[in-house]
Amino acid sequence: MNANRALRPSRPGLAPLAALLCLLLLPQPVAACRYSVRDTGFVDLGAEPYRLELAAPADFAATAQLYRAAAAGLFLEANVSFAPAATGAGTLRLSDSTGRGLDLVPSGSLPTERTAIAQLLGSVATSPRREDIYREALRAYAVIVFVEGTSAGDNERVRRIIQAASDGLARLMPAMPKPVDVPPQLVTIPLDQQAAEAVLIWGLGLEPRLSPEPRVALIYGRGRRLGTPLEGPLITRTALQERLSLIGQDCECELDRAWLKGPVLPGRWDRELQQLAARTLGFDPENPLVRAEVSRIVLRGEGDQTRQKKTSTALALGYSEESVDAITAAPEAADETTATAPSIAPTSPAPPTPKANSPGPLATVSVRPLWFALFGFLAAAFGAGLMVLRRSRRS
């Protein structure tokens, strides 16, 4: 009887099942994306350049050559192409890939002197505030471009909101996939500079004329805009901080890819800026392999349309809304601290120190592998116990 029992093929125990369960429950290595959303903003994805079209009378041919020669030098490292002269009443129009345009001079008033032509076309290629944006985007998390309105009271309200959103985002930055030392920086376009910065304001998706309401746009990378600009009452701390939090997300997450496809400002991103970007980022954005990988990520699909309602939102990251009236009613000393807008300093500020009891995504994400490890250990122990019990019964 014992011999028959010994010759009987043994049934497979539960140990293999337990081992399989253990492998499933234990945290598996995941290939993380090398790039954040901010990183992708420095990569040229081959978007259609801006087009500057000269429409001049037939007797303007000699002067048109001056325009063509000036554009060849000024637009050499810019994302602007000069269109051949067409017959017209004498206009110079800048347009984007969607057909949206900006007339740079009134009809029939094209400058004809070499110096004036160079100055006009130079304003298309660069400007003081665009240089500020490029410089700050290289060293900081992002740039908040504030276009002042004609209402001084509204301007002050928006400055306090921008400061509060920037401070709130700074507390969250250490827990992001690729932390940046410098929080979002502010670049302001005051009323008296908006005429000279018409190309920049137009490139932000706004009308370059003066507006009674203040306007805000978010820029990252080599001048890439995040979403549509915010105007007037739409400028809130919640809206700004939620959008800013997207820039620090992993580019391989469920983020809606539309956020990564914002237009790049018209301007000149020269070799010096490109080299500085490569040193700052730790990779060369112009490398063909990098461009191919980022293009695959950005063009892969639209992603999760509800991503902006998940953990990337400011509310889920430990943010709570405060009334602007309450900030205004605070003591004078505290109000001065709150109302001061982020300054554009030549040196990088010290990294913000998060509060010890401040909730954030890091606390949520870091606990999950511990639970997986615990479940895996229990499954392995359960399987080992079954094996010992089975052997004891056979003996």
Protein backbone atom coordinates (compact mmCIF):
# COMPACT_ATOMS: atom_id res chain seq x y z
CA MET A 1 0.00 0.00 0.00
CA ASN A 2 2.87 2.27 0.81
CA ALA A 3 4.53 1.25 -2.47
CA ASN A 4 1.41 2.13 -4.44
CA ARG A 5 1.30 5.46 -2.65
CA ALA A 6 4.93 6.13 -3.50
CA LEU A 7 4.38 5.32 -7.20
CA ARG A 8 1.32 7.55 -7.45
CA PRO A 9 2.20 10.81 -9.26
CA SER A 10 2.13 13.63 -6.77
CA ARG A 11 -0.24 16.50 -7.33
CA PRO A 12 1.35 19.87 -7.78
CA GLY A 13 1.24 21.86 -4.57
CA LEU A 14 0.33 25.46 -4.03
CA ALA A 15 3.95 26.60 -3.78
CA PRO A 16 4.30 27.45 -7.51
CA LEU A 17 1.06 29.42 -7.34
CA ALA A 18 2.31 31.24 -4.29
CA ALA A 19 5.60 32.03 -6.02
CA LEU A 20 3.73 33.39 -9.05
CA LEU A 21 1.54 35.46 -6.78
CA CYS A 22 4.64 36.79 -5.09
CA LEU A 23 6.13 37.88 -8.41
CA LEU A 24 2.93 39.64 -9.39
CA LEU A 25 2.62 41.49 -6.12
CA LEU A 26 6.23 42.53 -5.72
CA PRO A 27 6.99 45.96 -7.26
CA GLN A 28 8.39 45.54 -10.75
CA PRO A 29 10.95 47.88 -12.28
CA VAL A 30 9.29 50.40 -14.57
CA ALA A 31 11.11 52.27 -17.29
CA ALA A 32 10.65 55.87 -16.17
CA CYS A 33 10.63 58.69 -18.67
CA ARG A 34 13.91 60.56 -18.84
CA TYR A 35 12.11 63.84 -19.50
CA SER A 36 9.65 66.05 -17.68
CA VAL A 37 7.16 68.29 -19.45
CA ARG A 38 9.58 71.15 -18.83
CA ASP A 39 12.34 69.20 -20.61
CA THR A 40 10.21 68.63 -23.69
CA GLY A 41 9.75 72.39 -24.03
CA PHE A 42 13.43 72.76 -24.96
CA VAL A 43 13.20 70.30 -27.85
CA ASP A 44 12.46 71.59 -31.34
CA LEU A 45 9.63 69.40 -32.62
CA GLY A 46 9.79 70.79 -36.14
CA ALA A 47 6.74 73.03 -35.83
CA GLU A 48 5.86 75.31 -38.71
CA PRO A 49 7.83 78.60 -38.46
CA TYR A 50 6.26 82.00 -38.44
CA ARG A 51 6.01 83.69 -41.81
CA LEU A 52 6.82 87.35 -42.47
CA GLU A 53 5.29 88.44 -45.77
CA LEU A 54 6.12 91.64 -47.57
CA ALA A 55 3.44 92.92 -49.94
CA ALA A 56 4.74 95.95 -51.85
CA PRO A 57 4.05 97.83 -55.09
CA ALA A 58 5.88 96.83 -58.25
CA ASP A 59 8.21 99.85 -58.05
CA PHE A 60 9.35 98.71 -54.59
CA ALA A 61 11.63 95.96 -55.96
CA ALA A 62 14.92 97.62 -55.04
CA THR A 63 13.82 98.27 -51.46
CA ALA A 64 12.42 94.75 -51.22
CA GLN A 65 15.97 93.51 -51.71
CA LEU A 66 16.96 95.43 -48.57
CA TYR A 67 14.22 93.64 -46.64
CA ARG A 68 15.34 90.28 -47.98
CA ALA A 69 18.98 90.91 -47.08
CA ALA A 70 18.12 92.10 -43.56
CA ALA A 71 15.87 89.09 -42.96
CA ALA A 72 18.60 86.67 -44.10
CA GLY A 73 20.85 87.82 -41.26
CA LEU A 74 18.33 88.59 -38.53
CA PHE A 75 16.24 85.42 -38.96
CA LEU A 76 19.19 83.04 -39.31
CA GLU A 77 18.58 81.45 -35.86
CA ALA A 78 14.95 82.49 -35.50
CA ASN A 79 11.76 80.53 -36.13
CA VAL A 80 10.63 83.15 -38.67
CA SER A 81 10.87 82.82 -42.44
CA PHE A 82 10.74 85.73 -44.85
CA ALA A 83 8.29 85.34 -47.72
CA PRO A 84 9.09 86.65 -51.20
CA ALA A 85 7.68 90.04 -51.96
CA ALA A 86 4.17 90.01 -53.35
CA THR A 87 2.32 92.77 -55.13
CA GLY A 88 0.31 94.85 -52.70
CA ALA A 89 -0.31 98.23 -51.15
CA GLY A 90 2.80 98.11 -48.96
CA THR A 91 2.29 95.93 -45.88
CA LEU A 92 4.44 93.73 -43.69
CA ARG A 93 2.47 90.95 -42.01
CA LEU A 94 3.59 88.29 -39.54
CA SER A 95 1.45 85.13 -39.45
CA ASP A 96 1.53 81.76 -37.71
CA SER A 97 0.70 78.27 -38.97
CA THR A 98 -3.01 78.79 -38.25
CA GLY A 99 -3.24 81.93 -40.40
CA ARG A 100 -3.51 84.33 -37.47
CA GLY A 101 -1.65 87.51 -38.41
CA LEU A 102 -0.19 90.74 -37.14
CA ASP A 103 0.33 93.82 -39.32
CA LEU A 104 3.63 95.40 -38.28
CA VAL A 105 3.12 98.74 -40.07
CA PRO A 106 0.09 100.62 -41.40
CA SER A 107 -0.65 100.05 -45.06
CA GLY A 108 1.52 102.16 -47.33
CA SER A 109 4.00 103.22 -44.62
CA LEU A 110 6.81 100.71 -45.10
CA PRO A 111 10.22 102.13 -44.13
CA THR A 112 12.70 102.38 -46.98
CA GLU A 113 15.97 103.22 -45.21
CA ARG A 114 18.36 100.39 -44.38
CA THR A 115 18.60 101.29 -40.68
CA ALA A 116 14.83 101.54 -40.22
CA ILE A 117 14.31 98.25 -42.03
CA ALA A 118 16.83 96.49 -39.81
CA GLN A 119 15.19 97.93 -36.71
CA LEU A 120 11.73 96.82 -37.81
CA LEU A 121 12.77 93.28 -38.70
CA GLY A 122 14.94 93.09 -35.59
CA SER A 123 11.83 93.64 -33.46
CA VAL A 124 10.38 90.48 -35.01
CA ALA A 125 13.45 88.40 -34.14
CA THR A 126 13.98 89.58 -30.56
CA SER A 127 13.05 92.09 -27.86
CA PRO A 128 14.14 92.88 -24.29
CA ARG A 129 11.27 90.99 -22.64
CA ARG A 130 11.75 87.93 -24.86
CA GLU A 131 15.41 87.83 -23.85
CA ASP A 132 14.26 87.94 -20.22
CA ILE A 133 11.87 85.04 -20.86
CA TYR A 134 14.57 82.88 -22.47
CA ARG A 135 17.04 83.60 -19.67
CA GLU A 136 14.56 82.84 -16.90
CA ALA A 137 13.19 79.74 -18.62
CA LEU A 138 16.69 78.28 -18.69
CA ARG A 139 17.35 78.65 -14.97
CA ALA A 140 13.85 78.52 -13.48
CA TYR A 141 10.95 76.07 -13.38
CA ALA A 142 8.82 78.26 -15.68
CA VAL A 143 8.07 81.87 -16.55
CA ILE A 144 4.87 83.74 -15.71
CA VAL A 145 4.40 86.54 -18.25
CA PHE A 146 2.22 89.31 -16.84
CA VAL A 147 0.76 91.81 -19.33
CA GLU A 148 -0.49 94.76 -17.32
CA GLY A 149 -3.97 96.18 -17.81
CA THR A 150 -5.06 99.79 -17.50
CA SER A 151 -6.61 99.19 -14.05
CA ALA A 152 -4.00 99.65 -11.31
CA GLY A 153 -6.21 97.87 -8.78
CA ASP A 154 -6.62 94.80 -10.96
CA ASN A 155 -2.90 94.75 -11.66
CA GLU A 156 -2.12 94.68 -7.95
CA ARG A 157 -4.66 91.92 -7.36
CA VAL A 158 -3.08 89.76 -10.07
CA ARG A 159 0.42 90.38 -8.68
CA ARG A 160 -0.68 88.99 -5.31
CA ILE A 161 -2.26 85.97 -7.01
CA ILE A 162 0.90 85.30 -9.02
CA GLN A 163 3.04 85.53 -5.89
CA ALA A 164 0.76 83.15 -3.98
CA ALA A 165 0.69 80.62 -6.85
CA SER A 166 4.46 80.79 -7.24
CA ASP A 167 5.02 80.27 -3.51
CA GLY A 168 2.58 77.36 -3.43
CA LEU A 169 4.25 75.67 -6.39
CA ALA A 170 7.69 76.17 -4.81
CA ARG A 171 6.62 74.04 -1.85
CA LEU A 172 5.64 71.21 -4.20
CA MET A 173 8.69 71.28 -6.48
CA PRO A 174 10.98 69.08 -4.31
CA ALA A 175 8.51 66.17 -4.69
CA MET A 176 8.33 66.36 -8.49
CA PRO A 177 10.02 63.79 -10.79
CA LYS A 178 12.81 66.21 -11.80
CA PRO A 179 13.00 69.02 -9.22
CA VAL A 180 14.24 72.45 -10.30
CA ASP A 181 15.96 74.70 -7.78
CA VAL A 182 14.46 78.01 -8.96
CA PRO A 183 10.67 78.49 -8.68
CA PRO A 184 8.58 80.18 -11.41
CA GLN A 185 9.80 83.66 -12.25
CA LEU A 186 7.81 86.71 -13.27
CA VAL A 187 8.36 88.78 -16.43
CA THR A 188 6.14 91.87 -16.54
CA ILE A 189 5.21 93.84 -19.64
CA PRO A 190 4.13 97.26 -18.34
CA LEU A 191 1.81 99.55 -20.24
CA ASP A 192 4.57 101.82 -21.55
CA GLN A 193 6.44 98.86 -23.12
CA GLN A 194 3.56 97.05 -24.77
CA ALA A 195 3.83 98.88 -28.08
CA ALA A 196 7.48 97.83 -28.43
CA GLU A 197 6.60 94.28 -27.34
CA ALA A 198 3.68 93.88 -29.77
CA VAL A 199 5.20 90.78 -31.41
CA LEU A 200 5.69 89.10 -28.02
CA ILE A 201 2.15 89.88 -26.84
CA TRP A 202 0.74 88.62 -30.15
CA GLY A 203 2.89 85.50 -29.87
CA LEU A 204 1.37 84.84 -26.44
CA GLY A 205 -2.00 84.47 -28.17
CA LEU A 206 -3.22 87.94 -27.15
CA GLU A 207 -4.15 91.07 -29.04
CA PRO A 208 -1.30 93.59 -28.77
CA ARG A 209 -3.57 96.53 -28.03
CA LEU A 210 -3.95 97.91 -24.51
CA SER A 211 -6.55 96.12 -22.41
CA PRO A 212 -8.32 97.26 -19.25
CA GLU A 213 -7.86 93.77 -17.78
CA PRO A 214 -4.52 92.23 -16.86
CA ARG A 215 -3.46 89.11 -18.78
CA VAL A 216 -1.19 86.20 -17.87
CA ALA A 217 0.50 83.47 -19.91
CA LEU A 218 2.76 80.60 -18.79
CA ILE A 219 5.97 79.89 -20.72
CA TYR A 220 8.48 77.05 -20.32
CA GLY A 221 11.38 75.61 -22.27
CA ARG A 222 12.53 77.54 -25.32
CA GLY A 223 9.47 79.80 -25.27
CA ARG A 224 6.69 77.20 -25.44
CA ARG A 225 3.32 78.36 -24.14
CA LEU A 226 1.29 76.19 -21.78
CA GLY A 227 -2.42 76.35 -22.58
CA THR A 228 -4.31 79.50 -23.44
CA PRO A 229 -3.64 82.83 -21.69
CA LEU A 230 -5.76 83.85 -18.71
CA GLU A 231 -7.47 87.24 -18.59
CA GLY A 232 -9.18 89.30 -15.90
CA PRO A 233 -11.31 87.29 -13.45
CA LEU A 234 -10.06 83.99 -14.92
CA ILE A 235 -6.69 84.65 -13.27
CA THR A 236 -6.95 82.79 -9.96
CA ARG A 237 -4.43 81.10 -7.71
CA THR A 238 -6.07 77.73 -8.36
CA ALA A 239 -5.86 78.07 -12.15
CA LEU A 240 -2.25 79.25 -12.11
CA GLN A 241 -1.00 76.66 -9.64
CA GLU A 242 -2.77 73.77 -11.37
CA ARG A 243 -1.26 74.73 -14.71
CA LEU A 244 2.17 75.29 -13.23
CA SER A 245 2.08 71.84 -11.61
CA LEU A 246 1.72 70.26 -15.07
CA ILE A 247 5.12 71.55 -16.16
CA GLY A 248 6.86 69.42 -13.54
CA GLN A 249 5.06 66.17 -14.42
CA ASP A 250 6.63 63.10 -15.99
CA CYS A 251 6.14 63.25 -19.77
CA GLU A 252 5.19 59.53 -19.87
CA CYS A 253 2.26 59.93 -17.47
CA GLU A 254 -1.41 60.04 -18.47
CA LEU A 255 -1.11 63.77 -19.11
CA ASP A 256 -3.14 65.03 -22.05
CA ARG A 257 -0.61 65.47 -24.86
CA ALA A 258 -2.30 68.71 -25.91
CA TRP A 259 -0.51 70.41 -23.00
CA LEU A 260 2.84 69.53 -24.64
CA LYS A 261 1.92 70.98 -28.03
CA GLY A 262 1.63 74.67 -27.20
CA PRO A 263 3.05 77.15 -29.73
CA VAL A 264 6.58 78.52 -29.37
CA LEU A 265 7.04 82.27 -29.21
CA PRO A 266 8.37 83.95 -32.35
CA GLY A 267 11.99 84.74 -31.64
CA ARG A 268 15.64 83.89 -31.99
CA TRP A 269 16.96 80.91 -30.02
CA ASP A 270 20.63 81.15 -30.89
CA ARG A 271 23.55 78.75 -30.46
CA GLU A 272 24.58 80.29 -27.14
CA LEU A 273 21.16 79.64 -25.63
CA GLN A 274 21.18 76.13 -27.07
CA GLN A 275 24.54 75.31 -25.51
CA LEU A 276 23.43 76.73 -22.18
CA ALA A 277 20.29 74.59 -22.33
CA ALA A 278 22.36 71.45 -22.93
CA ARG A 279 24.56 72.20 -19.90
CA THR A 280 21.60 73.03 -17.69
CA LEU A 281 19.41 70.06 -18.64
CA GLY A 282 22.09 67.38 -18.74
CA PHE A 283 21.16 66.37 -22.30
CA ASP A 284 21.35 68.02 -25.70
CA PRO A 285 17.86 69.01 -26.93
CA GLU A 286 19.23 69.18 -30.49
CA ASN A 287 20.44 65.58 -30.45
CA PRO A 288 18.53 63.69 -33.20
CA LEU A 289 17.86 60.75 -30.87
CA VAL A 290 16.45 63.07 -28.21
CA ARG A 291 14.27 64.84 -30.74
CA ALA A 292 12.98 61.53 -32.07
CA GLU A 293 12.16 60.22 -28.59
CA VAL A 294 10.43 63.40 -27.44
CA SER A 295 8.50 63.62 -30.72
CA ARG A 296 7.29 60.05 -30.18
CA ILE A 297 6.11 60.95 -26.68
CA VAL A 298 4.39 64.20 -27.65
CA LEU A 299 2.75 62.83 -30.80
CA ARG A 300 1.82 59.46 -29.29
CA GLY A 301 -1.77 60.36 -28.48
CA GLU A 302 -3.99 62.66 -26.57
CA GLY A 303 -3.53 60.81 -23.30
CA ASP A 304 -5.88 60.92 -20.37
CA GLN A 305 -8.25 63.84 -20.76
CA THR A 306 -9.02 63.76 -17.03
CA ARG A 307 -5.40 64.00 -15.96
CA GLN A 308 -5.71 67.62 -14.92
CA LYS A 309 -8.38 66.53 -12.42
CA LYS A 310 -6.15 63.90 -10.78
CA THR A 311 -3.01 64.15 -8.69
CA SER A 312 -1.49 66.88 -10.86
CA THR A 313 -4.05 69.39 -9.63
CA ALA A 314 -3.09 71.89 -7.01
CA LEU A 315 -5.89 70.74 -4.68
CA ALA A 316 -4.61 67.16 -4.71
CA LEU A 317 -1.09 68.39 -4.02
CA GLY A 318 -2.03 69.94 -0.71
CA TYR A 319 -3.17 73.36 -1.94
CA SER A 320 -6.05 75.32 -0.43
CA GLU A 321 -7.60 78.46 -1.87
CA GLU A 322 -7.41 81.72 0.07
CA SER A 323 -9.49 84.80 -0.49
CA VAL A 324 -7.67 87.75 -2.01
CA ASP A 325 -9.74 89.98 0.25
CA ALA A 326 -8.30 88.16 3.24
CA ILE A 327 -4.80 88.79 1.95
CA THR A 328 -5.65 92.46 1.50
CA ALA A 329 -7.04 92.67 5.04
CA ALA A 330 -3.86 91.23 6.58
CA PRO A 331 -1.45 93.46 8.54
CA GLU A 332 0.59 95.87 6.46
CA ALA A 333 3.89 94.08 7.01
CA ALA A 334 2.47 90.73 5.96
CA ASP A 335 0.71 92.28 2.99
CA GLU A 336 3.95 93.70 1.66
CA THR A 337 5.50 90.24 1.77
CA THR A 338 2.55 88.65 -0.01
CA ALA A 339 2.06 91.36 -2.59
CA THR A 340 5.64 91.43 -3.81
CA ALA A 341 5.85 89.77 -7.23
CA PRO A 342 8.62 87.25 -7.99
CA SER A 343 11.68 89.22 -9.04
CA ILE A 344 13.96 88.49 -11.95
CA ALA A 345 17.31 88.27 -10.20
CA PRO A 346 20.62 87.50 -11.89
CA THR A 347 21.43 84.92 -9.26
CA SER A 348 19.38 81.83 -8.44
CA PRO A 349 17.44 81.96 -5.15
CA ALA A 350 17.94 79.26 -2.59
CA PRO A 351 15.78 76.13 -3.08
CA PRO A 352 12.54 76.32 -1.07
CA THR A 353 12.26 74.18 2.03
CA PRO A 354 8.91 72.33 2.18
CA LYS A 355 7.02 72.16 5.45
CA ALA A 356 7.42 68.99 7.42
CA ASN A 357 3.70 68.42 7.69
CA SER A 358 2.83 69.53 4.19
CA PRO A 359 1.00 66.80 2.25
CA GLY A 360 2.27 66.09 -1.24
CA PRO A 361 2.46 63.46 -3.95
CA LEU A 362 5.73 62.05 -2.62
CA ALA A 363 4.07 60.74 0.55
CA THR A 364 1.38 59.05 -1.52
CA VAL A 365 3.68 57.47 -4.06
CA SER A 366 6.42 56.28 -1.69
CA VAL A 367 4.07 54.18 0.48
CA ARG A 368 2.75 52.04 -2.39
CA PRO A 369 5.93 49.93 -2.90
CA LEU A 370 5.92 49.12 0.83
CA TRP A 371 2.44 47.66 0.57
CA PHE A 372 3.42 45.64 -2.49
CA ALA A 373 6.49 44.32 -0.69
CA LEU A 374 4.39 43.40 2.35
CA PHE A 375 1.85 41.52 0.23
CA GLY A 376 4.65 39.74 -1.60
CA PHE A 377 6.30 38.71 1.67
CA LEU A 378 3.01 37.38 3.06
CA ALA A 379 2.35 35.44 -0.14
CA ALA A 380 5.83 33.90 -0.04
CA ALA A 381 5.45 33.00 3.64
CA PHE A 382 2.05 31.46 2.93
CA GLY A 383 3.51 29.36 0.11
CA ALA A 384 6.46 28.23 2.24
CA GLY A 385 4.08 27.24 5.05
CA LEU A 386 2.03 25.13 2.68
CA MET A 387 5.14 23.33 1.47
CA VAL A 388 6.25 22.53 5.05
CA LEU A 389 2.75 21.28 5.95
CA ARG A 390 2.60 19.06 2.87
CA ARG A 391 6.00 17.50 3.59
CA SER A 392 5.08 16.88 7.21
CA ARG A 393 1.96 15.02 6.12
CA ARG A 394 3.96 12.84 3.69
CA SER A 395 6.38 11.87 6.39
